[in-house]
Amino acid sequence: MPIIQEVTEQKFLTEEEKTTLKDIQTKSQSLVVELGEISMIKIQIENRYEIAKSYLTEISNQEKEFTKTLFDKYGKFSLDPETGEIIKSN
């Protein structure tokens, strides 16, 4: 029985196809880097947001304490914030 050897021809991409493939790979790598940078920025913004919320709570508490102090000192009143004039309420 004779041994038949099948010869297969090697095939390669054309230069244009190789160029297109490299272009797609480069674009994909750039996109991965961009998405990574966006993710880092998102984390930074989320951290800033949490800090700002904490600061808002701090300011709100300070405002409540100050208002209570003024009411304890002056009783019920209206205030002109521009001049600081206290207008007693009856």
PDB file of N, CA and C in Angstrom:
ATOM      1  N   MET A   1       0.823  -1.177   0.000  1.00  0.00           N
ATOM      2  CA  MET A   1       0.000   0.000   0.000  1.00  0.00           C
ATOM      3  C   MET A   1       0.873   1.249   0.000  1.00  0.00           C
ATOM      4  N   PRO A   2       0.671   2.068  -0.956  1.00  0.00           N
ATOM      5  CA  PRO A   2       1.498   3.274  -1.020  1.00  0.00           C
ATOM      6  C   PRO A   2       1.046   4.315   0.005  1.00  0.00           C
ATOM      7  N   ILE A   3       1.999   4.991   0.552  1.00  0.00           N
ATOM      8  CA  ILE A   3       1.693   6.065   1.500  1.00  0.00           C
ATOM      9  C   ILE A   3       1.528   7.347   0.696  1.00  0.00           C
ATOM     10  N   ILE A   4       0.370   7.925   0.877  1.00  0.00           N
ATOM     11  CA  ILE A   4       0.095   9.180   0.164  1.00  0.00           C
ATOM     12  C   ILE A   4       0.282  10.319   1.160  1.00  0.00           C
ATOM     13  N   GLN A   5       1.076  11.213   0.771  1.00  0.00           N
ATOM     14  CA  GLN A   5       1.328  12.363   1.614  1.00  0.00           C
ATOM     15  C   GLN A   5       0.627  13.561   0.990  1.00  0.00           C
ATOM     16  N   GLU A   6      -0.208  14.176   1.813  1.00  0.00           N
ATOM     17  CA  GLU A   6      -0.911  15.354   1.311  1.00  0.00           C
ATOM     18  C   GLU A   6      -0.066  16.577   1.611  1.00  0.00           C
ATOM     19  N   VAL A   7       0.196  17.308   0.615  1.00  0.00           N
ATOM     20  CA  VAL A   7       0.983  18.526   0.773  1.00  0.00           C
ATOM     21  C   VAL A   7      -0.005  19.684   0.842  1.00  0.00           C
ATOM     22  N   THR A   8       0.116  20.417   1.931  1.00  0.00           N
ATOM     23  CA  THR A   8      -0.761  21.577   2.051  1.00  0.00           C
ATOM     24  C   THR A   8       0.062  22.834   1.864  1.00  0.00           C
ATOM     25  N   GLU A   9      -0.546  23.728   1.213  1.00  0.00           N
ATOM     26  CA  GLU A   9       0.128  24.987   0.931  1.00  0.00           C
ATOM     27  C   GLU A   9      -0.084  25.931   2.107  1.00  0.00           C
ATOM     28  N   GLN A  10       0.989  26.536   2.555  1.00  0.00           N
ATOM     29  CA  GLN A  10       0.851  27.507   3.628  1.00  0.00           C
ATOM     30  C   GLN A  10       0.227  28.770   3.062  1.00  0.00           C
ATOM     31  N   LYS A  11      -0.656  29.349   3.889  1.00  0.00           N
ATOM     32  CA  LYS A  11      -1.316  30.576   3.452  1.00  0.00           C
ATOM     33  C   LYS A  11      -1.027  31.664   4.473  1.00  0.00           C
ATOM     34  N   PHE A  12      -0.896  32.845   3.977  1.00  0.00           N
ATOM     35  CA  PHE A  12      -0.615  34.000   4.820  1.00  0.00           C
ATOM     36  C   PHE A  12      -1.584  35.116   4.473  1.00  0.00           C
ATOM     37  N   LEU A  13      -1.765  35.997   5.462  1.00  0.00           N
ATOM     38  CA  LEU A  13      -2.583  37.171   5.197  1.00  0.00           C
ATOM     39  C   LEU A  13      -1.880  38.068   4.199  1.00  0.00           C
ATOM     40  N   THR A  14      -2.678  38.815   3.484  1.00  0.00           N
ATOM     41  CA  THR A  14      -2.079  39.792   2.578  1.00  0.00           C
ATOM     42  C   THR A  14      -1.531  40.937   3.428  1.00  0.00           C
ATOM     43  N   GLU A  15      -0.708  41.759   2.846  1.00  0.00           N
ATOM     44  CA  GLU A  15      -0.165  42.920   3.568  1.00  0.00           C
ATOM     45  C   GLU A  15      -1.310  43.821   4.045  1.00  0.00           C
ATOM     46  N   GLU A  16      -2.288  44.003   3.232  1.00  0.00           N
ATOM     47  CA  GLU A  16      -3.437  44.840   3.600  1.00  0.00           C
ATOM     48  C   GLU A  16      -4.191  44.227   4.791  1.00  0.00           C
ATOM     49  N   GLU A  17      -4.370  42.922   4.767  1.00  0.00           N
ATOM     50  CA  GLU A  17      -5.053  42.240   5.876  1.00  0.00           C
ATOM     51  C   GLU A  17      -4.226  42.333   7.161  1.00  0.00           C
ATOM     52  N   LYS A  18      -2.908  42.167   7.044  1.00  0.00           N
ATOM     53  CA  LYS A  18      -2.038  42.292   8.223  1.00  0.00           C
ATOM     54  C   LYS A  18      -2.103  43.708   8.786  1.00  0.00           C
ATOM     55  N   THR A  19      -2.118  44.689   7.897  1.00  0.00           N
ATOM     56  CA  THR A  19      -2.213  46.085   8.326  1.00  0.00           C
ATOM     57  C   THR A  19      -3.546  46.332   9.048  1.00  0.00           C
ATOM     58  N   THR A  20      -4.612  45.806   8.501  1.00  0.00           N
ATOM     59  CA  THR A  20      -5.929  45.958   9.128  1.00  0.00           C
ATOM     60  C   THR A  20      -5.961  45.282  10.489  1.00  0.00           C
ATOM     61  N   LEU A  21      -5.399  44.087  10.588  1.00  0.00           N
ATOM     62  CA  LEU A  21      -5.345  43.357  11.853  1.00  0.00           C
ATOM     63  C   LEU A  21      -4.566  44.151  12.898  1.00  0.00           C
ATOM     64  N   LYS A  22      -3.400  44.674  12.532  1.00  0.00           N
ATOM     65  CA  LYS A  22      -2.583  45.456  13.468  1.00  0.00           C
ATOM     66  C   LYS A  22      -3.319  46.724  13.900  1.00  0.00           C
ATOM     67  N   ASP A  23      -4.027  47.334  12.970  1.00  0.00           N
ATOM     68  CA  ASP A  23      -4.791  48.545  13.279  1.00  0.00           C
ATOM     69  C   ASP A  23      -5.886  48.240  14.308  1.00  0.00           C
ATOM     70  N   ILE A  24      -6.584  47.144  14.110  1.00  0.00           N
ATOM     71  CA  ILE A  24      -7.639  46.730  15.045  1.00  0.00           C
ATOM     72  C   ILE A  24      -7.031  46.427  16.411  1.00  0.00           C
ATOM     73  N   GLN A  25      -5.904  45.732  16.450  1.00  0.00           N
ATOM     74  CA  GLN A  25      -5.248  45.414  17.721  1.00  0.00           C
ATOM     75  C   GLN A  25      -4.810  46.689  18.445  1.00  0.00           C
ATOM     76  N   THR A  26      -4.258  47.640  17.709  1.00  0.00           N
ATOM     77  CA  THR A  26      -3.817  48.908  18.301  1.00  0.00           C
ATOM     78  C   THR A  26      -5.009  49.668  18.873  1.00  0.00           C
ATOM     79  N   LYS A  27      -6.091  49.714  18.105  1.00  0.00           N
ATOM     80  CA  LYS A  27      -7.304  50.402  18.577  1.00  0.00           C
ATOM     81  C   LYS A  27      -7.861  49.722  19.829  1.00  0.00           C
ATOM     82  N   SER A  28      -7.848  48.405  19.852  1.00  0.00           N
ATOM     83  CA  SER A  28      -8.341  47.662  21.013  1.00  0.00           C
ATOM     84  C   SER A  28      -7.490  47.956  22.247  1.00  0.00           C
ATOM     85  N   GLN A  29      -6.177  47.981  22.080  1.00  0.00           N
ATOM     86  CA  GLN A  29      -5.288  48.282  23.202  1.00  0.00           C
ATOM     87  C   GLN A  29      -5.512  49.709  23.709  1.00  0.00           C
ATOM     88  N   SER A  30      -5.688  50.642  22.792  1.00  0.00           N
ATOM     89  CA  SER A  30      -5.955  52.033  23.184  1.00  0.00           C
ATOM     90  C   SER A  30      -7.266  52.136  23.946  1.00  0.00           C
ATOM     91  N   LEU A  31      -8.252  51.384  23.518  1.00  0.00           N
ATOM     92  CA  LEU A  31      -9.547  51.393  24.188  1.00  0.00           C
ATOM     93  C   LEU A  31      -9.437  50.835  25.602  1.00  0.00           C
ATOM     94  N   VAL A  32      -8.672  49.783  25.766  1.00  0.00           N
ATOM     95  CA  VAL A  32      -8.481  49.199  27.099  1.00  0.00           C
ATOM     96  C   VAL A  32      -7.833  50.228  28.027  1.00  0.00           C
ATOM     97  N   VAL A  33      -6.832  50.935  27.543  1.00  0.00           N
ATOM     98  CA  VAL A  33      -6.170  51.975  28.343  1.00  0.00           C
ATOM     99  C   VAL A  33      -7.164  53.081  28.679  1.00  0.00           C
ATOM    100  N   GLU A  34      -7.934  53.522  27.699  1.00  0.00           N
ATOM    101  CA  GLU A  34      -8.928  54.587  27.910  1.00  0.00           C
ATOM    102  C   GLU A  34      -9.960  54.178  28.955  1.00  0.00           C
ATOM    103  N   LEU A  35     -10.455  52.959  28.854  1.00  0.00           N
ATOM    104  CA  LEU A  35     -11.445  52.475  29.828  1.00  0.00           C
ATOM    105  C   LEU A  35     -10.836  52.398  31.228  1.00  0.00           C
ATOM    106  N   GLY A  36      -9.583  52.011  31.303  1.00  0.00           N
ATOM    107  CA  GLY A  36      -8.906  51.982  32.600  1.00  0.00           C
ATOM    108  C   GLY A  36      -8.788  53.374  33.200  1.00  0.00           C
ATOM    109  N   GLU A  37      -8.426  54.340  32.375  1.00  0.00           N
ATOM    110  CA  GLU A  37      -8.306  55.719  32.854  1.00  0.00           C
ATOM    111  C   GLU A  37      -9.668  56.253  33.296  1.00  0.00           C
ATOM    112  N   ILE A  38     -10.695  55.953  32.529  1.00  0.00           N
ATOM    113  CA  ILE A  38     -12.050  56.390  32.887  1.00  0.00           C
ATOM    114  C   ILE A  38     -12.468  55.768  34.215  1.00  0.00           C
ATOM    115  N   SER A  39     -12.153  54.511  34.415  1.00  0.00           N
ATOM    116  CA  SER A  39     -12.487  53.841  35.676  1.00  0.00           C
ATOM    117  C   SER A  39     -11.791  54.507  36.851  1.00  0.00           C
ATOM    118  N   MET A  40     -10.531  54.882  36.673  1.00  0.00           N
ATOM    119  CA  MET A  40      -9.801  55.557  37.749  1.00  0.00           C
ATOM    120  C   MET A  40     -10.422  56.916  38.045  1.00  0.00           C
ATOM    121  N   ILE A  41     -10.768  57.657  37.004  1.00  0.00           N
ATOM    122  CA  ILE A  41     -11.391  58.964  37.191  1.00  0.00           C
ATOM    123  C   ILE A  41     -12.731  58.803  37.897  1.00  0.00           C
ATOM    124  N   LYS A  42     -13.481  57.780  37.525  1.00  0.00           N
ATOM    125  CA  LYS A  42     -14.779  57.517  38.157  1.00  0.00           C
ATOM    126  C   LYS A  42     -14.605  57.274  39.659  1.00  0.00           C
ATOM    127  N   ILE A  43     -13.602  56.499  40.025  1.00  0.00           N
ATOM    128  CA  ILE A  43     -13.335  56.228  41.441  1.00  0.00           C
ATOM    129  C   ILE A  43     -12.976  57.525  42.162  1.00  0.00           C
ATOM    130  N   GLN A  44     -12.147  58.348  41.528  1.00  0.00           N
ATOM    131  CA  GLN A  44     -11.770  59.624  42.135  1.00  0.00           C
ATOM    132  C   GLN A  44     -12.991  60.521  42.328  1.00  0.00           C
ATOM    133  N   ILE A  45     -13.869  60.560  41.351  1.00  0.00           N
ATOM    134  CA  ILE A  45     -15.083  61.376  41.460  1.00  0.00           C
ATOM    135  C   ILE A  45     -15.990  60.833  42.557  1.00  0.00           C
ATOM    136  N   GLU A  46     -16.120  59.522  42.640  1.00  0.00           N
ATOM    137  CA  GLU A  46     -16.944  58.930  43.700  1.00  0.00           C
ATOM    138  C   GLU A  46     -16.377  59.284  45.074  1.00  0.00           C
ATOM    139  N   ASN A  47     -15.043  59.269  45.206  1.00  0.00           N
ATOM    140  CA  ASN A  47     -14.417  59.654  46.473  1.00  0.00           C
ATOM    141  C   ASN A  47     -14.687  61.117  46.792  1.00  0.00           C
ATOM    142  N   ARG A  48     -14.544  61.986  45.803  1.00  0.00           N
ATOM    143  CA  ARG A  48     -14.828  63.411  45.998  1.00  0.00           C
ATOM    144  C   ARG A  48     -16.281  63.622  46.388  1.00  0.00           C
ATOM    145  N   TYR A  49     -17.175  62.861  45.771  1.00  0.00           N
ATOM    146  CA  TYR A  49     -18.600  62.969  46.075  1.00  0.00           C
ATOM    147  C   TYR A  49     -18.869  62.594  47.536  1.00  0.00           C
ATOM    148  N   GLU A  50     -18.251  61.523  47.997  1.00  0.00           N
ATOM    149  CA  GLU A  50     -18.435  61.090  49.385  1.00  0.00           C
ATOM    150  C   GLU A  50     -17.883  62.135  50.356  1.00  0.00           C
ATOM    151  N   ILE A  51     -16.747  62.727  50.020  1.00  0.00           N
ATOM    152  CA  ILE A  51     -16.170  63.776  50.858  1.00  0.00           C
ATOM    153  C   ILE A  51     -17.104  64.981  50.895  1.00  0.00           C
ATOM    154  N   ALA A  52     -17.646  65.356  49.753  1.00  0.00           N
ATOM    155  CA  ALA A  52     -18.567  66.493  49.687  1.00  0.00           C
ATOM    156  C   ALA A  52     -19.833  66.223  50.498  1.00  0.00           C
ATOM    157  N   LYS A  53     -20.348  64.987  50.432  1.00  0.00           N
ATOM    158  CA  LYS A  53     -21.537  64.645  51.236  1.00  0.00           C
ATOM    159  C   LYS A  53     -21.231  64.760  52.720  1.00  0.00           C
ATOM    160  N   SER A  54     -20.070  64.321  53.123  1.00  0.00           N
ATOM    161  CA  SER A  54     -19.651  64.408  54.513  1.00  0.00           C
ATOM    162  C   SER A  54     -19.542  65.868  54.943  1.00  0.00           C
ATOM    163  N   TYR A  55     -18.975  66.694  54.075  1.00  0.00           N
ATOM    164  CA  TYR A  55     -18.836  68.116  54.356  1.00  0.00           C
ATOM    165  C   TYR A  55     -20.213  68.779  54.463  1.00  0.00           C
ATOM    166  N   LEU A  56     -21.145  68.382  53.618  1.00  0.00           N
ATOM    167  CA  LEU A  56     -22.515  68.905  53.682  1.00  0.00           C
ATOM    168  C   LEU A  56     -23.147  68.577  55.026  1.00  0.00           C
ATOM    169  N   THR A  57     -22.963  67.360  55.487  1.00  0.00           N
ATOM    170  CA  THR A  57     -23.492  66.958  56.798  1.00  0.00           C
ATOM    171  C   THR A  57     -22.863  67.810  57.896  1.00  0.00           C
ATOM    172  N   GLU A  58     -21.567  68.023  57.795  1.00  0.00           N
ATOM    173  CA  GLU A  58     -20.850  68.834  58.784  1.00  0.00           C
ATOM    174  C   GLU A  58     -21.393  70.269  58.807  1.00  0.00           C
ATOM    175  N   ILE A  59     -21.570  70.860  57.632  1.00  0.00           N
ATOM    176  CA  ILE A  59     -22.081  72.223  57.544  1.00  0.00           C
ATOM    177  C   ILE A  59     -23.515  72.296  58.073  1.00  0.00           C
ATOM    178  N   SER A  60     -24.340  71.315  57.726  1.00  0.00           N
ATOM    179  CA  SER A  60     -25.729  71.282  58.214  1.00  0.00           C
ATOM    180  C   SER A  60     -25.770  71.210  59.730  1.00  0.00           C
ATOM    181  N   ASN A  61     -24.925  70.380  60.313  1.00  0.00           N
ATOM    182  CA  ASN A  61     -24.870  70.273  61.775  1.00  0.00           C
ATOM    183  C   ASN A  61     -24.398  71.586  62.407  1.00  0.00           C
ATOM    184  N   GLN A  62     -23.413  72.206  61.793  1.00  0.00           N
ATOM    185  CA  GLN A  62     -22.907  73.485  62.288  1.00  0.00           C
ATOM    186  C   GLN A  62     -24.022  74.541  62.234  1.00  0.00           C
ATOM    187  N   GLU A  63     -24.771  74.554  61.143  1.00  0.00           N
ATOM    188  CA  GLU A  63     -25.868  75.510  60.996  1.00  0.00           C
ATOM    189  C   GLU A  63     -26.941  75.275  62.060  1.00  0.00           C
ATOM    190  N   LYS A  64     -27.296  74.014  62.310  1.00  0.00           N
ATOM    191  CA  LYS A  64     -28.301  73.685  63.327  1.00  0.00           C
ATOM    192  C   LYS A  64     -27.840  74.137  64.714  1.00  0.00           C
ATOM    193  N   GLU A  65     -26.579  73.850  65.040  1.00  0.00           N
ATOM    194  CA  GLU A  65     -26.043  74.243  66.346  1.00  0.00           C
ATOM    195  C   GLU A  65     -26.032  75.759  66.504  1.00  0.00           C
ATOM    196  N   PHE A  66     -25.620  76.458  65.445  1.00  0.00           N
ATOM    197  CA  PHE A  66     -25.570  77.916  65.499  1.00  0.00           C
ATOM    198  C   PHE A  66     -26.972  78.502  65.659  1.00  0.00           C
ATOM    199  N   THR A  67     -27.922  77.964  64.906  1.00  0.00           N
ATOM    200  CA  THR A  67     -29.308  78.432  65.006  1.00  0.00           C
ATOM    201  C   THR A  67     -29.845  78.202  66.410  1.00  0.00           C
ATOM    202  N   LYS A  68     -29.587  77.039  66.984  1.00  0.00           N
ATOM    203  CA  LYS A  68     -30.048  76.746  68.341  1.00  0.00           C
ATOM    204  C   LYS A  68     -29.421  77.713  69.345  1.00  0.00           C
ATOM    205  N   THR A  69     -28.129  77.975  69.182  1.00  0.00           N
ATOM    206  CA  THR A  69     -27.435  78.911  70.076  1.00  0.00           C
ATOM    207  C   THR A  69     -28.069  80.299  70.007  1.00  0.00           C
ATOM    208  N   LEU A  70     -28.372  80.746  68.790  1.00  0.00           N
ATOM    209  CA  LEU A  70     -28.992  82.068  68.639  1.00  0.00           C
ATOM    210  C   LEU A  70     -30.391  82.108  69.233  1.00  0.00           C
ATOM    211  N   PHE A  71     -31.187  81.064  69.018  1.00  0.00           N
ATOM    212  CA  PHE A  71     -32.537  81.033  69.586  1.00  0.00           C
ATOM    213  C   PHE A  71     -32.484  80.985  71.110  1.00  0.00           C
ATOM    214  N   ASP A  72     -31.515  80.232  71.656  1.00  0.00           N
ATOM    215  CA  ASP A  72     -31.357  80.187  73.113  1.00  0.00           C
ATOM    216  C   ASP A  72     -30.986  81.567  73.655  1.00  0.00           C
ATOM    217  N   LYS A  73     -30.174  82.295  72.918  1.00  0.00           N
ATOM    218  CA  LYS A  73     -29.696  83.597  73.377  1.00  0.00           C
ATOM    219  C   LYS A  73     -30.724  84.707  73.154  1.00  0.00           C
ATOM    220  N   TYR A  74     -31.388  84.720  71.975  1.00  0.00           N
ATOM    221  CA  TYR A  74     -32.247  85.845  71.613  1.00  0.00           C
ATOM    222  C   TYR A  74     -33.740  85.511  71.583  1.00  0.00           C
ATOM    223  N   GLY A  75     -34.076  84.244  71.741  1.00  0.00           N
ATOM    224  CA  GLY A  75     -35.473  83.849  71.640  1.00  0.00           C
ATOM    225  C   GLY A  75     -35.901  83.807  70.185  1.00  0.00           C
ATOM    226  N   LYS A  76     -37.215  83.852  69.976  1.00  0.00           N
ATOM    227  CA  LYS A  76     -37.751  83.789  68.617  1.00  0.00           C
ATOM    228  C   LYS A  76     -37.500  85.127  67.924  1.00  0.00           C
ATOM    229  N   PHE A  77     -36.903  85.095  66.767  1.00  0.00           N
ATOM    230  CA  PHE A  77     -36.563  86.325  66.053  1.00  0.00           C
ATOM    231  C   PHE A  77     -36.379  86.050  64.574  1.00  0.00           C
ATOM    232  N   SER A  78     -36.313  87.145  63.828  1.00  0.00           N
ATOM    233  CA  SER A  78     -35.930  87.103  62.421  1.00  0.00           C
ATOM    234  C   SER A  78     -34.576  87.776  62.322  1.00  0.00           C
ATOM    235  N   LEU A  79     -33.854  87.435  61.306  1.00  0.00           N
ATOM    236  CA  LEU A  79     -32.490  87.944  61.167  1.00  0.00           C
ATOM    237  C   LEU A  79     -32.282  88.469  59.765  1.00  0.00           C
ATOM    238  N   ASP A  80     -31.689  89.646  59.672  1.00  0.00           N
ATOM    239  CA  ASP A  80     -31.246  90.160  58.376  1.00  0.00           C
ATOM    240  C   ASP A  80     -29.792  89.705  58.234  1.00  0.00           C
ATOM    241  N   PRO A  81     -29.536  88.697  57.382  1.00  0.00           N
ATOM    242  CA  PRO A  81     -28.186  88.141  57.291  1.00  0.00           C
ATOM    243  C   PRO A  81     -27.157  89.129  56.747  1.00  0.00           C
ATOM    244  N   GLU A  82     -27.599  90.134  56.007  1.00  0.00           N
ATOM    245  CA  GLU A  82     -26.673  91.128  55.455  1.00  0.00           C
ATOM    246  C   GLU A  82     -26.157  92.059  56.537  1.00  0.00           C
ATOM    247  N   THR A  83     -27.058  92.505  57.409  1.00  0.00           N
ATOM    248  CA  THR A  83     -26.655  93.499  58.415  1.00  0.00           C
ATOM    249  C   THR A  83     -26.424  92.873  59.797  1.00  0.00           C
ATOM    250  N   GLY A  84     -26.995  91.676  60.004  1.00  0.00           N
ATOM    251  CA  GLY A  84     -26.904  91.038  61.319  1.00  0.00           C
ATOM    252  C   GLY A  84     -27.957  91.555  62.289  1.00  0.00           C
ATOM    253  N   GLU A  85     -28.884  92.373  61.792  1.00  0.00           N
ATOM    254  CA  GLU A  85     -29.946  92.941  62.656  1.00  0.00           C
ATOM    255  C   GLU A  85     -30.902  91.845  63.098  1.00  0.00           C
ATOM    256  N   ILE A  86     -31.160  91.828  64.398  1.00  0.00           N
ATOM    257  CA  ILE A  86     -32.089  90.875  64.990  1.00  0.00           C
ATOM    258  C   ILE A  86     -33.425  91.582  65.143  1.00  0.00           C
ATOM    259  N   ILE A  87     -34.465  90.983  64.592  1.00  0.00           N
ATOM    260  CA  ILE A  87     -35.809  91.538  64.671  1.00  0.00           C
ATOM    261  C   ILE A  87     -36.625  90.586  65.521  1.00  0.00           C
ATOM    262  N   LYS A  88     -36.981  91.062  66.719  1.00  0.00           N
ATOM    263  CA  LYS A  88     -37.733  90.219  67.669  1.00  0.00           C
ATOM    264  C   LYS A  88     -39.111  89.906  67.107  1.00  0.00           C
ATOM    265  N   SER A  89     -39.532  88.666  67.300  1.00  0.00           N
ATOM    266  CA  SER A  89     -40.874  88.229  66.931  1.00  0.00           C
ATOM    267  C   SER A  89     -41.722  88.173  68.187  1.00  0.00           C
ATOM    268  N   ASN A  90     -42.984  88.517  68.059  1.00  0.00           N
ATOM    269  CA  ASN A  90     -43.889  88.479  69.214  1.00  0.00           C
ATOM    270  C   ASN A  90     -44.530  87.138  69.371  1.00  0.00           C
TER     271      ASN A  90
END
